[in-house]
N, C-alpha and C. Protein backbone atom coordinates (compact mmCIF):
# COMPACT_ATOMS: atom_id res chain seq x y z
N UNK A 1 17.73 -11.66 -10.82
CA UNK A 1 17.11 -11.47 -9.52
C UNK A 1 16.98 -9.98 -9.25
N UNK A 2 15.75 -9.54 -8.88
CA UNK A 2 15.49 -8.14 -8.64
C UNK A 2 15.98 -7.65 -7.29
N UNK A 3 15.90 -6.35 -7.12
CA UNK A 3 16.37 -5.72 -5.89
C UNK A 3 15.71 -6.31 -4.65
N UNK A 4 14.38 -6.50 -4.68
CA UNK A 4 13.68 -6.96 -3.49
C UNK A 4 13.95 -8.43 -3.19
N UNK A 5 14.34 -9.21 -4.20
CA UNK A 5 14.69 -10.61 -3.94
C UNK A 5 15.93 -10.69 -3.05
N UNK A 6 17.00 -9.98 -3.45
CA UNK A 6 18.23 -10.09 -2.68
C UNK A 6 18.23 -9.22 -1.43
N UNK A 7 17.35 -8.19 -1.42
CA UNK A 7 17.30 -7.30 -0.25
C UNK A 7 16.32 -7.77 0.81
N UNK A 8 15.61 -8.88 0.56
CA UNK A 8 14.59 -9.35 1.51
C UNK A 8 15.13 -9.52 2.93
N UNK A 9 16.33 -10.09 3.14
CA UNK A 9 16.82 -10.21 4.53
C UNK A 9 16.98 -8.86 5.23
N UNK A 10 17.39 -7.83 4.49
CA UNK A 10 17.50 -6.50 5.09
C UNK A 10 16.13 -5.98 5.51
N UNK A 11 15.14 -6.16 4.61
CA UNK A 11 13.79 -5.71 4.95
C UNK A 11 13.24 -6.54 6.11
N UNK A 12 13.52 -7.84 6.12
CA UNK A 12 13.06 -8.69 7.20
C UNK A 12 13.60 -8.24 8.55
N UNK A 13 14.82 -7.74 8.54
CA UNK A 13 15.46 -7.33 9.79
C UNK A 13 15.08 -5.90 10.21
N UNK A 14 14.99 -5.01 9.20
CA UNK A 14 14.80 -3.59 9.51
C UNK A 14 13.43 -3.03 9.13
N UNK A 15 12.53 -3.87 8.60
CA UNK A 15 11.27 -3.34 8.06
C UNK A 15 10.33 -2.81 9.12
N UNK A 16 10.49 -3.20 10.37
CA UNK A 16 9.57 -2.73 11.40
C UNK A 16 10.00 -1.34 11.87
N UNK A 17 9.76 -0.37 10.99
CA UNK A 17 10.15 1.01 11.26
C UNK A 17 8.96 1.84 11.74
N UNK A 18 7.86 1.18 12.04
CA UNK A 18 6.62 1.90 12.29
C UNK A 18 6.51 2.31 13.76
N UNK A 19 6.40 3.60 13.99
CA UNK A 19 6.18 4.10 15.34
C UNK A 19 4.70 3.95 15.68
N UNK A 20 4.36 3.95 16.97
CA UNK A 20 2.93 3.91 17.33
C UNK A 20 2.15 5.06 16.71
N UNK A 21 2.78 6.24 16.61
CA UNK A 21 2.10 7.39 16.02
C UNK A 21 1.84 7.17 14.52
N UNK A 22 2.83 6.60 13.82
CA UNK A 22 2.66 6.32 12.39
C UNK A 22 1.58 5.30 12.13
N UNK A 23 1.52 4.25 12.96
CA UNK A 23 0.47 3.24 12.82
C UNK A 23 -0.90 3.85 13.09
N UNK A 24 -0.99 4.66 14.14
CA UNK A 24 -2.27 5.30 14.47
C UNK A 24 -2.75 6.19 13.34
N UNK A 25 -1.82 6.86 12.69
CA UNK A 25 -2.15 7.76 11.59
C UNK A 25 -2.73 6.96 10.41
N UNK A 26 -2.04 5.90 9.99
CA UNK A 26 -2.52 5.10 8.87
C UNK A 26 -3.85 4.44 9.24
N UNK A 27 -3.97 3.94 10.46
CA UNK A 27 -5.23 3.34 10.90
C UNK A 27 -6.37 4.35 10.84
N UNK A 28 -6.11 5.59 11.23
CA UNK A 28 -7.15 6.62 11.17
C UNK A 28 -7.61 6.88 9.75
N UNK A 29 -6.69 6.80 8.77
CA UNK A 29 -7.08 7.01 7.37
C UNK A 29 -7.91 5.85 6.86
N UNK A 30 -7.64 4.64 7.34
CA UNK A 30 -8.38 3.45 6.90
C UNK A 30 -9.70 3.27 7.64
N UNK A 31 -9.79 3.71 8.87
CA UNK A 31 -10.94 3.44 9.73
C UNK A 31 -12.28 3.86 9.12
N UNK A 32 -12.40 4.98 8.42
CA UNK A 32 -13.71 5.35 7.86
C UNK A 32 -14.27 4.32 6.87
N UNK A 33 -13.43 3.46 6.36
CA UNK A 33 -13.90 2.47 5.39
C UNK A 33 -14.21 1.12 6.03
N UNK A 34 -14.01 1.03 7.35
CA UNK A 34 -14.31 -0.20 8.07
C UNK A 34 -15.77 -0.14 8.52
N UNK A 35 -16.48 -1.23 8.36
CA UNK A 35 -17.88 -1.29 8.75
C UNK A 35 -18.01 -1.33 10.27
N UNK A 36 -18.94 -0.54 10.81
CA UNK A 36 -19.17 -0.54 12.26
C UNK A 36 -19.69 -1.88 12.76
N UNK A 37 -20.36 -2.61 11.89
CA UNK A 37 -21.03 -3.83 12.33
C UNK A 37 -20.10 -5.03 12.42
N UNK A 38 -18.89 -4.93 11.90
CA UNK A 38 -18.06 -6.14 11.85
C UNK A 38 -16.57 -5.86 11.94
N UNK A 39 -16.08 -5.16 12.95
CA UNK A 39 -14.65 -4.86 12.90
C UNK A 39 -13.79 -6.09 12.68
N UNK A 40 -14.18 -7.23 13.28
CA UNK A 40 -13.37 -8.45 13.11
C UNK A 40 -13.46 -8.98 11.68
N UNK A 41 -14.54 -8.64 10.97
CA UNK A 41 -14.70 -9.16 9.62
C UNK A 41 -14.20 -8.23 8.54
N UNK A 42 -13.80 -7.02 8.89
CA UNK A 42 -13.34 -6.07 7.88
C UNK A 42 -12.02 -6.55 7.30
N UNK A 43 -11.85 -6.26 6.01
CA UNK A 43 -10.69 -6.79 5.32
C UNK A 43 -9.91 -5.68 4.62
N UNK A 44 -8.60 -5.67 4.84
CA UNK A 44 -7.70 -4.70 4.22
C UNK A 44 -6.71 -5.46 3.36
N UNK A 45 -6.44 -4.94 2.18
CA UNK A 45 -5.41 -5.49 1.30
C UNK A 45 -4.20 -4.57 1.36
N UNK A 46 -3.07 -5.10 1.78
CA UNK A 46 -1.82 -4.33 1.86
C UNK A 46 -0.98 -4.68 0.64
N UNK A 47 -1.02 -3.82 -0.37
CA UNK A 47 -0.35 -4.08 -1.65
C UNK A 47 1.12 -3.71 -1.53
N UNK A 48 1.99 -4.64 -1.92
CA UNK A 48 3.43 -4.41 -1.80
C UNK A 48 3.86 -4.39 -0.34
N UNK A 49 3.15 -5.16 0.48
CA UNK A 49 3.37 -5.14 1.93
C UNK A 49 4.60 -5.88 2.41
N UNK A 50 5.35 -6.51 1.48
CA UNK A 50 6.65 -7.09 1.81
C UNK A 50 6.62 -8.08 2.94
N UNK A 51 7.32 -7.77 4.02
CA UNK A 51 7.51 -8.69 5.14
C UNK A 51 6.33 -8.70 6.12
N UNK A 52 5.33 -7.88 5.88
CA UNK A 52 4.15 -7.87 6.73
C UNK A 52 4.27 -7.08 8.02
N UNK A 53 5.34 -6.31 8.19
CA UNK A 53 5.53 -5.57 9.43
C UNK A 53 4.39 -4.58 9.67
N UNK A 54 4.00 -3.86 8.63
CA UNK A 54 2.89 -2.91 8.75
C UNK A 54 1.57 -3.66 8.91
N UNK A 55 1.37 -4.73 8.16
CA UNK A 55 0.11 -5.48 8.21
C UNK A 55 -0.20 -5.98 9.61
N UNK A 56 0.81 -6.49 10.30
CA UNK A 56 0.59 -7.01 11.65
C UNK A 56 0.11 -5.90 12.59
N UNK A 57 0.67 -4.72 12.44
CA UNK A 57 0.29 -3.62 13.32
C UNK A 57 -1.07 -3.05 12.95
N UNK A 58 -1.41 -3.05 11.65
CA UNK A 58 -2.74 -2.59 11.25
C UNK A 58 -3.81 -3.56 11.74
N UNK A 59 -3.50 -4.85 11.73
CA UNK A 59 -4.45 -5.83 12.24
C UNK A 59 -4.79 -5.52 13.70
N UNK A 60 -3.78 -5.24 14.50
CA UNK A 60 -4.00 -4.94 15.91
C UNK A 60 -4.75 -3.62 16.07
N UNK A 61 -4.35 -2.61 15.31
CA UNK A 61 -4.95 -1.27 15.47
C UNK A 61 -6.40 -1.23 15.03
N UNK A 62 -6.75 -2.02 14.01
CA UNK A 62 -8.09 -1.94 13.43
C UNK A 62 -8.95 -3.18 13.68
N UNK A 63 -8.37 -4.21 14.31
CA UNK A 63 -9.08 -5.49 14.49
C UNK A 63 -9.63 -5.98 13.16
N UNK A 64 -8.86 -5.82 12.10
CA UNK A 64 -9.27 -6.22 10.76
C UNK A 64 -8.39 -7.36 10.26
N UNK A 65 -8.92 -8.11 9.31
CA UNK A 65 -8.13 -9.13 8.63
C UNK A 65 -7.30 -8.41 7.56
N UNK A 66 -6.01 -8.61 7.56
CA UNK A 66 -5.13 -7.92 6.61
C UNK A 66 -4.44 -8.97 5.74
N UNK A 67 -4.55 -8.79 4.43
CA UNK A 67 -3.89 -9.67 3.47
C UNK A 67 -2.77 -8.89 2.81
N UNK A 68 -1.57 -9.44 2.85
CA UNK A 68 -0.42 -8.84 2.17
C UNK A 68 -0.29 -9.51 0.81
N UNK A 69 -0.26 -8.70 -0.25
CA UNK A 69 0.05 -9.23 -1.57
C UNK A 69 1.35 -8.59 -2.03
N UNK A 70 2.27 -9.42 -2.49
CA UNK A 70 3.60 -8.94 -2.89
C UNK A 70 4.13 -9.91 -3.94
N UNK A 71 4.86 -9.41 -4.95
CA UNK A 71 5.37 -10.31 -5.98
C UNK A 71 6.62 -11.08 -5.57
N UNK A 72 7.21 -10.75 -4.43
CA UNK A 72 8.52 -11.28 -4.07
C UNK A 72 8.41 -12.35 -2.99
N UNK A 73 8.60 -13.63 -3.35
CA UNK A 73 8.45 -14.69 -2.34
C UNK A 73 9.42 -14.56 -1.18
N UNK A 74 10.61 -14.04 -1.44
CA UNK A 74 11.60 -13.88 -0.36
C UNK A 74 11.10 -12.91 0.71
N UNK A 75 10.32 -11.92 0.32
CA UNK A 75 9.74 -10.99 1.29
C UNK A 75 8.62 -11.68 2.07
N UNK A 76 7.75 -12.38 1.34
CA UNK A 76 6.60 -13.03 1.97
C UNK A 76 7.01 -14.13 2.95
N UNK A 77 8.21 -14.68 2.78
CA UNK A 77 8.68 -15.73 3.69
C UNK A 77 8.75 -15.27 5.14
N UNK A 78 8.75 -13.97 5.36
CA UNK A 78 8.81 -13.44 6.73
C UNK A 78 7.44 -13.36 7.39
N UNK A 79 6.39 -13.72 6.65
CA UNK A 79 5.03 -13.66 7.19
C UNK A 79 4.55 -15.07 7.49
N UNK A 80 4.07 -15.27 8.69
CA UNK A 80 3.40 -16.52 9.05
C UNK A 80 1.90 -16.27 9.00
N UNK A 81 1.19 -17.05 8.17
CA UNK A 81 -0.26 -16.88 8.11
C UNK A 81 -0.87 -17.13 9.47
N UNK A 82 -1.84 -16.33 9.82
CA UNK A 82 -2.52 -16.47 11.10
C UNK A 82 -2.51 -15.18 11.86
N UNK A 83 -3.24 -15.18 12.98
CA UNK A 83 -3.32 -13.98 13.82
C UNK A 83 -3.77 -12.77 13.03
N UNK A 84 -4.71 -12.97 12.10
CA UNK A 84 -5.29 -11.85 11.39
C UNK A 84 -4.53 -11.36 10.19
N UNK A 85 -3.40 -11.98 9.85
CA UNK A 85 -2.61 -11.58 8.69
C UNK A 85 -2.37 -12.79 7.80
N UNK A 86 -2.60 -12.62 6.50
CA UNK A 86 -2.31 -13.68 5.54
C UNK A 86 -1.48 -13.11 4.41
N UNK A 87 -0.88 -13.99 3.62
CA UNK A 87 0.00 -13.55 2.53
C UNK A 87 -0.39 -14.26 1.24
N UNK A 88 -0.22 -13.54 0.13
CA UNK A 88 -0.49 -14.07 -1.20
C UNK A 88 0.56 -13.51 -2.13
N UNK A 89 1.20 -14.38 -2.90
CA UNK A 89 2.13 -13.88 -3.91
C UNK A 89 1.33 -13.45 -5.14
N UNK A 90 1.59 -12.26 -5.61
CA UNK A 90 0.88 -11.77 -6.78
C UNK A 90 1.30 -10.35 -7.10
N UNK A 91 0.80 -9.87 -8.23
CA UNK A 91 1.15 -8.51 -8.66
C UNK A 91 -0.06 -7.60 -8.52
N UNK A 92 0.20 -6.33 -8.31
CA UNK A 92 -0.87 -5.34 -8.18
C UNK A 92 -1.68 -5.22 -9.45
N UNK A 93 -1.06 -5.52 -10.58
CA UNK A 93 -1.73 -5.36 -11.87
C UNK A 93 -2.67 -6.51 -12.21
N UNK A 94 -2.60 -7.61 -11.47
CA UNK A 94 -3.47 -8.78 -11.69
C UNK A 94 -3.71 -9.43 -10.33
N UNK A 95 -4.48 -8.76 -9.49
CA UNK A 95 -4.68 -9.23 -8.11
C UNK A 95 -5.48 -10.54 -8.10
N UNK A 96 -5.00 -11.54 -7.38
CA UNK A 96 -5.66 -12.85 -7.38
C UNK A 96 -6.80 -12.94 -6.35
N UNK A 97 -7.76 -12.00 -6.44
CA UNK A 97 -8.87 -11.95 -5.50
C UNK A 97 -10.17 -11.70 -6.24
N UNK A 98 -11.28 -12.08 -5.60
CA UNK A 98 -12.60 -11.84 -6.17
C UNK A 98 -12.93 -10.36 -6.16
N UNK A 99 -13.92 -9.97 -6.95
CA UNK A 99 -14.44 -8.61 -6.94
C UNK A 99 -14.98 -8.30 -5.54
N UNK A 100 -14.85 -7.06 -5.12
CA UNK A 100 -15.43 -6.56 -3.86
C UNK A 100 -14.98 -7.36 -2.64
N UNK A 101 -13.75 -7.87 -2.67
CA UNK A 101 -13.27 -8.73 -1.59
C UNK A 101 -12.78 -7.95 -0.37
N UNK A 102 -12.50 -6.66 -0.52
CA UNK A 102 -11.88 -5.89 0.57
C UNK A 102 -12.65 -4.61 0.84
N UNK A 103 -12.52 -4.15 2.10
CA UNK A 103 -13.07 -2.86 2.47
C UNK A 103 -12.14 -1.71 2.09
N UNK A 104 -10.85 -1.99 2.06
CA UNK A 104 -9.88 -0.94 1.72
C UNK A 104 -8.58 -1.55 1.22
N UNK A 105 -7.90 -0.78 0.41
CA UNK A 105 -6.56 -1.13 -0.08
C UNK A 105 -5.58 -0.11 0.50
N UNK A 106 -4.47 -0.62 0.99
CA UNK A 106 -3.40 0.23 1.52
C UNK A 106 -2.12 -0.03 0.71
N UNK A 107 -1.46 1.05 0.29
CA UNK A 107 -0.19 0.93 -0.43
C UNK A 107 0.77 1.94 0.19
N UNK A 108 1.76 1.46 0.91
CA UNK A 108 2.66 2.36 1.64
C UNK A 108 4.07 2.29 1.07
N UNK A 109 4.50 3.39 0.47
CA UNK A 109 5.83 3.52 -0.13
C UNK A 109 6.12 2.42 -1.15
N UNK A 110 5.08 2.01 -1.88
CA UNK A 110 5.26 0.97 -2.90
C UNK A 110 4.66 1.35 -4.25
N UNK A 111 3.79 2.36 -4.29
CA UNK A 111 3.09 2.66 -5.54
C UNK A 111 4.06 3.01 -6.66
N UNK A 112 5.13 3.72 -6.35
CA UNK A 112 6.08 4.12 -7.39
C UNK A 112 6.82 2.92 -7.99
N UNK A 113 6.79 1.76 -7.32
CA UNK A 113 7.44 0.57 -7.85
C UNK A 113 6.58 -0.16 -8.88
N UNK A 114 5.30 0.17 -8.97
CA UNK A 114 4.40 -0.60 -9.83
C UNK A 114 4.65 -0.26 -11.29
N UNK A 115 4.94 -1.26 -12.12
CA UNK A 115 5.28 -0.97 -13.51
C UNK A 115 4.10 -0.48 -14.35
N UNK A 116 2.86 -0.87 -13.99
CA UNK A 116 1.68 -0.43 -14.74
C UNK A 116 0.68 0.14 -13.74
N UNK A 117 0.85 1.40 -13.41
CA UNK A 117 0.03 2.01 -12.37
C UNK A 117 -1.45 2.10 -12.75
N UNK A 118 -1.81 2.43 -14.01
CA UNK A 118 -3.24 2.43 -14.35
C UNK A 118 -3.89 1.05 -14.16
N UNK A 119 -3.20 -0.01 -14.56
CA UNK A 119 -3.75 -1.36 -14.38
C UNK A 119 -3.90 -1.68 -12.90
N UNK A 120 -2.94 -1.25 -12.10
CA UNK A 120 -3.01 -1.51 -10.66
C UNK A 120 -4.23 -0.82 -10.05
N UNK A 121 -4.48 0.43 -10.41
CA UNK A 121 -5.63 1.14 -9.84
C UNK A 121 -6.93 0.51 -10.30
N UNK A 122 -7.00 0.04 -11.54
CA UNK A 122 -8.20 -0.69 -11.99
C UNK A 122 -8.43 -1.91 -11.10
N UNK A 123 -7.35 -2.60 -10.75
CA UNK A 123 -7.47 -3.75 -9.87
C UNK A 123 -7.86 -3.35 -8.45
N UNK A 124 -7.31 -2.24 -7.95
CA UNK A 124 -7.72 -1.76 -6.62
C UNK A 124 -9.23 -1.54 -6.60
N UNK A 125 -9.75 -0.90 -7.64
CA UNK A 125 -11.19 -0.64 -7.72
C UNK A 125 -11.99 -1.94 -7.79
N UNK A 126 -11.49 -2.89 -8.55
CA UNK A 126 -12.23 -4.15 -8.73
C UNK A 126 -12.36 -4.92 -7.42
N UNK A 127 -11.27 -5.00 -6.66
CA UNK A 127 -11.28 -5.84 -5.45
C UNK A 127 -11.81 -5.12 -4.21
N UNK A 128 -12.08 -3.81 -4.33
CA UNK A 128 -12.59 -3.03 -3.20
C UNK A 128 -14.08 -2.82 -3.38
N UNK A 129 -14.83 -3.05 -2.32
CA UNK A 129 -16.28 -2.87 -2.39
C UNK A 129 -16.63 -1.42 -2.71
N UNK A 130 -17.82 -1.22 -3.27
CA UNK A 130 -18.31 0.12 -3.57
C UNK A 130 -18.32 0.95 -2.28
N UNK A 131 -17.73 2.12 -2.33
CA UNK A 131 -17.64 2.98 -1.15
C UNK A 131 -16.45 2.67 -0.26
N UNK A 132 -15.68 1.64 -0.63
CA UNK A 132 -14.47 1.32 0.11
C UNK A 132 -13.37 2.32 -0.20
N UNK A 133 -12.22 2.12 0.43
CA UNK A 133 -11.17 3.13 0.34
C UNK A 133 -9.87 2.66 -0.24
N UNK A 134 -9.11 3.61 -0.71
CA UNK A 134 -7.73 3.40 -1.16
C UNK A 134 -6.87 4.42 -0.45
N UNK A 135 -5.88 3.93 0.29
CA UNK A 135 -4.93 4.80 0.99
C UNK A 135 -3.55 4.53 0.41
N UNK A 136 -2.90 5.58 -0.07
CA UNK A 136 -1.55 5.46 -0.63
C UNK A 136 -0.64 6.44 0.10
N UNK A 137 0.46 5.94 0.63
CA UNK A 137 1.49 6.81 1.22
C UNK A 137 2.66 6.77 0.27
N UNK A 138 3.08 7.93 -0.19
CA UNK A 138 4.14 8.00 -1.20
C UNK A 138 5.16 9.08 -0.86
N UNK A 139 6.20 9.10 -1.64
CA UNK A 139 7.27 10.08 -1.51
C UNK A 139 7.10 11.14 -2.61
N UNK A 140 7.17 12.39 -2.22
CA UNK A 140 7.06 13.48 -3.17
C UNK A 140 8.41 13.67 -3.87
N UNK A 141 8.44 13.52 -5.21
CA UNK A 141 9.73 13.59 -5.91
C UNK A 141 10.36 14.97 -5.97
N UNK A 142 9.66 15.99 -5.51
CA UNK A 142 10.24 17.34 -5.53
C UNK A 142 11.33 17.44 -4.46
N UNK A 143 12.33 18.24 -4.74
CA UNK A 143 13.39 18.48 -3.76
C UNK A 143 14.66 17.68 -4.06
N UNK A 144 15.77 18.18 -3.52
CA UNK A 144 17.09 17.59 -3.80
C UNK A 144 17.21 16.16 -3.27
N UNK A 145 16.77 15.92 -2.04
CA UNK A 145 16.88 14.59 -1.46
C UNK A 145 16.14 13.57 -2.31
N UNK A 146 14.92 13.92 -2.72
CA UNK A 146 14.14 12.97 -3.50
C UNK A 146 14.72 12.76 -4.89
N UNK A 147 15.33 13.77 -5.46
CA UNK A 147 15.97 13.57 -6.77
C UNK A 147 17.08 12.54 -6.64
N UNK A 148 17.80 12.56 -5.52
CA UNK A 148 18.86 11.56 -5.29
C UNK A 148 18.26 10.17 -5.10
N UNK A 149 17.14 10.06 -4.38
CA UNK A 149 16.48 8.77 -4.18
C UNK A 149 15.96 8.22 -5.50
N UNK A 150 15.34 9.07 -6.31
CA UNK A 150 14.85 8.64 -7.63
C UNK A 150 16.00 8.11 -8.47
N UNK A 151 17.11 8.82 -8.49
CA UNK A 151 18.28 8.37 -9.25
C UNK A 151 18.78 7.03 -8.71
N UNK A 152 18.86 6.91 -7.38
CA UNK A 152 19.31 5.65 -6.77
C UNK A 152 18.42 4.48 -7.15
N UNK A 153 17.11 4.68 -7.14
CA UNK A 153 16.20 3.60 -7.52
C UNK A 153 16.38 3.22 -8.98
N UNK A 154 16.56 4.20 -9.83
CA UNK A 154 16.76 3.89 -11.25
C UNK A 154 18.05 3.10 -11.45
N UNK A 155 19.11 3.44 -10.70
CA UNK A 155 20.36 2.70 -10.79
C UNK A 155 20.20 1.25 -10.32
N UNK A 156 19.26 1.03 -9.40
CA UNK A 156 18.99 -0.32 -8.91
C UNK A 156 18.01 -1.08 -9.81
N UNK A 157 17.56 -0.43 -10.88
CA UNK A 157 16.68 -1.10 -11.83
C UNK A 157 15.20 -1.02 -11.49
N UNK A 158 14.86 -0.19 -10.52
CA UNK A 158 13.45 -0.03 -10.15
C UNK A 158 12.80 1.01 -11.06
N UNK A 159 11.46 0.83 -11.34
CA UNK A 159 10.81 1.79 -12.25
C UNK A 159 10.77 3.21 -11.70
N UNK A 160 10.57 3.37 -10.40
CA UNK A 160 10.62 4.70 -9.80
C UNK A 160 9.70 5.71 -10.44
N UNK A 161 8.43 5.33 -10.68
CA UNK A 161 7.47 6.24 -11.30
C UNK A 161 6.79 7.07 -10.21
N UNK A 162 7.51 8.05 -9.69
CA UNK A 162 7.00 8.90 -8.61
C UNK A 162 6.06 9.96 -9.16
N UNK A 163 5.09 10.37 -8.33
CA UNK A 163 4.18 11.47 -8.67
C UNK A 163 4.20 12.48 -7.53
N UNK A 164 4.01 13.73 -7.88
CA UNK A 164 3.79 14.75 -6.87
C UNK A 164 2.38 14.57 -6.30
N UNK A 165 2.06 15.19 -5.16
CA UNK A 165 0.69 15.05 -4.64
C UNK A 165 -0.38 15.47 -5.63
N UNK A 166 -0.19 16.58 -6.33
CA UNK A 166 -1.22 17.02 -7.28
C UNK A 166 -1.34 16.04 -8.44
N UNK A 167 -0.23 15.49 -8.90
CA UNK A 167 -0.29 14.48 -9.96
C UNK A 167 -1.02 13.23 -9.49
N UNK A 168 -0.76 12.81 -8.24
CA UNK A 168 -1.41 11.62 -7.70
C UNK A 168 -2.92 11.81 -7.63
N UNK A 169 -3.35 12.96 -7.10
CA UNK A 169 -4.78 13.21 -6.98
C UNK A 169 -5.47 13.21 -8.34
N UNK A 170 -4.85 13.85 -9.32
CA UNK A 170 -5.43 13.88 -10.67
C UNK A 170 -5.44 12.49 -11.28
N UNK A 171 -4.37 11.74 -11.09
CA UNK A 171 -4.27 10.39 -11.64
C UNK A 171 -5.35 9.48 -11.04
N UNK A 172 -5.50 9.52 -9.73
CA UNK A 172 -6.49 8.66 -9.08
C UNK A 172 -7.90 9.04 -9.49
N UNK A 173 -8.20 10.34 -9.57
CA UNK A 173 -9.52 10.79 -10.00
C UNK A 173 -9.82 10.29 -11.41
N UNK A 174 -8.83 10.39 -12.29
CA UNK A 174 -8.99 9.94 -13.67
C UNK A 174 -9.28 8.44 -13.74
N UNK A 175 -8.81 7.69 -12.73
CA UNK A 175 -8.99 6.24 -12.73
C UNK A 175 -10.05 5.77 -11.73
N UNK A 176 -10.95 6.68 -11.34
CA UNK A 176 -12.14 6.27 -10.61
C UNK A 176 -12.05 6.22 -9.11
N UNK A 177 -11.04 6.87 -8.54
CA UNK A 177 -10.93 6.92 -7.07
C UNK A 177 -10.83 8.40 -6.68
N UNK A 178 -11.90 8.91 -6.09
CA UNK A 178 -11.97 10.32 -5.73
C UNK A 178 -11.41 10.52 -4.33
N UNK A 179 -10.47 11.46 -4.18
CA UNK A 179 -9.91 11.67 -2.85
C UNK A 179 -9.07 12.92 -2.78
N UNK A 180 -8.24 12.97 -1.75
CA UNK A 180 -7.40 14.14 -1.55
C UNK A 180 -6.01 13.72 -1.11
N UNK A 181 -5.05 14.60 -1.36
CA UNK A 181 -3.67 14.39 -0.97
C UNK A 181 -3.28 15.44 0.05
N UNK A 182 -2.43 15.04 0.99
CA UNK A 182 -1.89 16.02 1.91
C UNK A 182 -0.51 15.57 2.38
N UNK A 183 0.34 16.55 2.64
CA UNK A 183 1.68 16.24 3.14
C UNK A 183 1.56 15.69 4.55
N UNK A 184 2.47 14.77 4.90
CA UNK A 184 2.45 14.27 6.27
C UNK A 184 3.71 14.72 7.00
N UNK A 185 4.86 14.21 6.64
CA UNK A 185 6.10 14.68 7.28
C UNK A 185 7.26 14.29 6.37
N UNK A 186 8.36 14.99 6.55
CA UNK A 186 9.52 14.71 5.71
C UNK A 186 9.17 14.89 4.25
N UNK A 187 9.45 13.87 3.45
CA UNK A 187 9.19 13.94 2.02
C UNK A 187 7.96 13.11 1.63
N UNK A 188 7.19 12.67 2.63
CA UNK A 188 6.04 11.81 2.35
C UNK A 188 4.74 12.61 2.26
N UNK A 189 3.78 12.05 1.55
CA UNK A 189 2.42 12.57 1.52
C UNK A 189 1.47 11.37 1.46
N UNK A 190 0.19 11.64 1.68
CA UNK A 190 -0.77 10.55 1.61
C UNK A 190 -1.94 10.94 0.72
N UNK A 191 -2.45 9.93 0.02
CA UNK A 191 -3.70 10.04 -0.73
C UNK A 191 -4.72 9.16 -0.03
N UNK A 192 -5.91 9.69 0.23
CA UNK A 192 -7.01 8.90 0.77
C UNK A 192 -8.20 9.14 -0.14
N UNK A 193 -8.73 8.05 -0.70
CA UNK A 193 -9.83 8.19 -1.63
C UNK A 193 -10.87 7.10 -1.49
N UNK A 194 -12.04 7.37 -2.07
CA UNK A 194 -13.17 6.43 -2.03
C UNK A 194 -13.40 5.88 -3.43
N UNK A 195 -13.64 4.57 -3.50
CA UNK A 195 -13.89 3.91 -4.77
C UNK A 195 -15.30 4.25 -5.25
N UNK A 196 -15.39 4.76 -6.47
CA UNK A 196 -16.68 5.06 -7.07
C UNK A 196 -17.27 3.81 -7.70
N UNK A 197 -18.56 3.80 -7.84
CA UNK A 197 -19.24 2.67 -8.47
C UNK A 197 -19.09 2.64 -9.95
C-alpha cells in the first residue's frame, strides 16, 4: 500500500488548505483558456487532485466543470460526483479520456509524484484542445527546506522527481507545451503554458 492510500484520511481532513487568494490566483491562470461563449461548459482536468478540495473551489471560481483524476481510490472516496465536480480513477500517463476533451489541465503539487513525466505531458497534450492550457504548481527543489522535503519523500517511497523552474520550462517546451515559469511564494512556483498543435 502506497503513501497516498494510507494517508488519504489525513488529506481528507486537512486537504482544504486553499485560501481565497490562492484560489483566485490559480483561477486567474486558468481563465485565459476558458471559452467566453460557454463558461458553464468549459472543462478542467485536475490531475492528481486527490480529495477534490481544490476542484470544488475551482468549479465555483470559474463556473467550469472540473474532473479530478487520481490513481488512489481512497483519495477519490472523498469526492461526491455532482455540483460541477466529477472523479475518475486513473493515471496521468494513460488518461482515460477522449482527445481534446478539456480546455485546460491543472496539476497542483503533484507533478513531481508522476513516475513517467514525459508520458504524462503527452497525455496532457492529447486530452487538451488545441490552444488550451496546462497549469502546473510545483515546489522548487533548491534550498535547504526543499532538500529535506525531497529526502522525506524518497524515504516514503515517492519518486520525488522535482524540477527547478528553468528545468520545468525547458522540459515542457521540449514536450510541446510553450509557456513560462514564475515564483509565487514560499518554495512554490507556477508554470502556465499553451498546448501547441
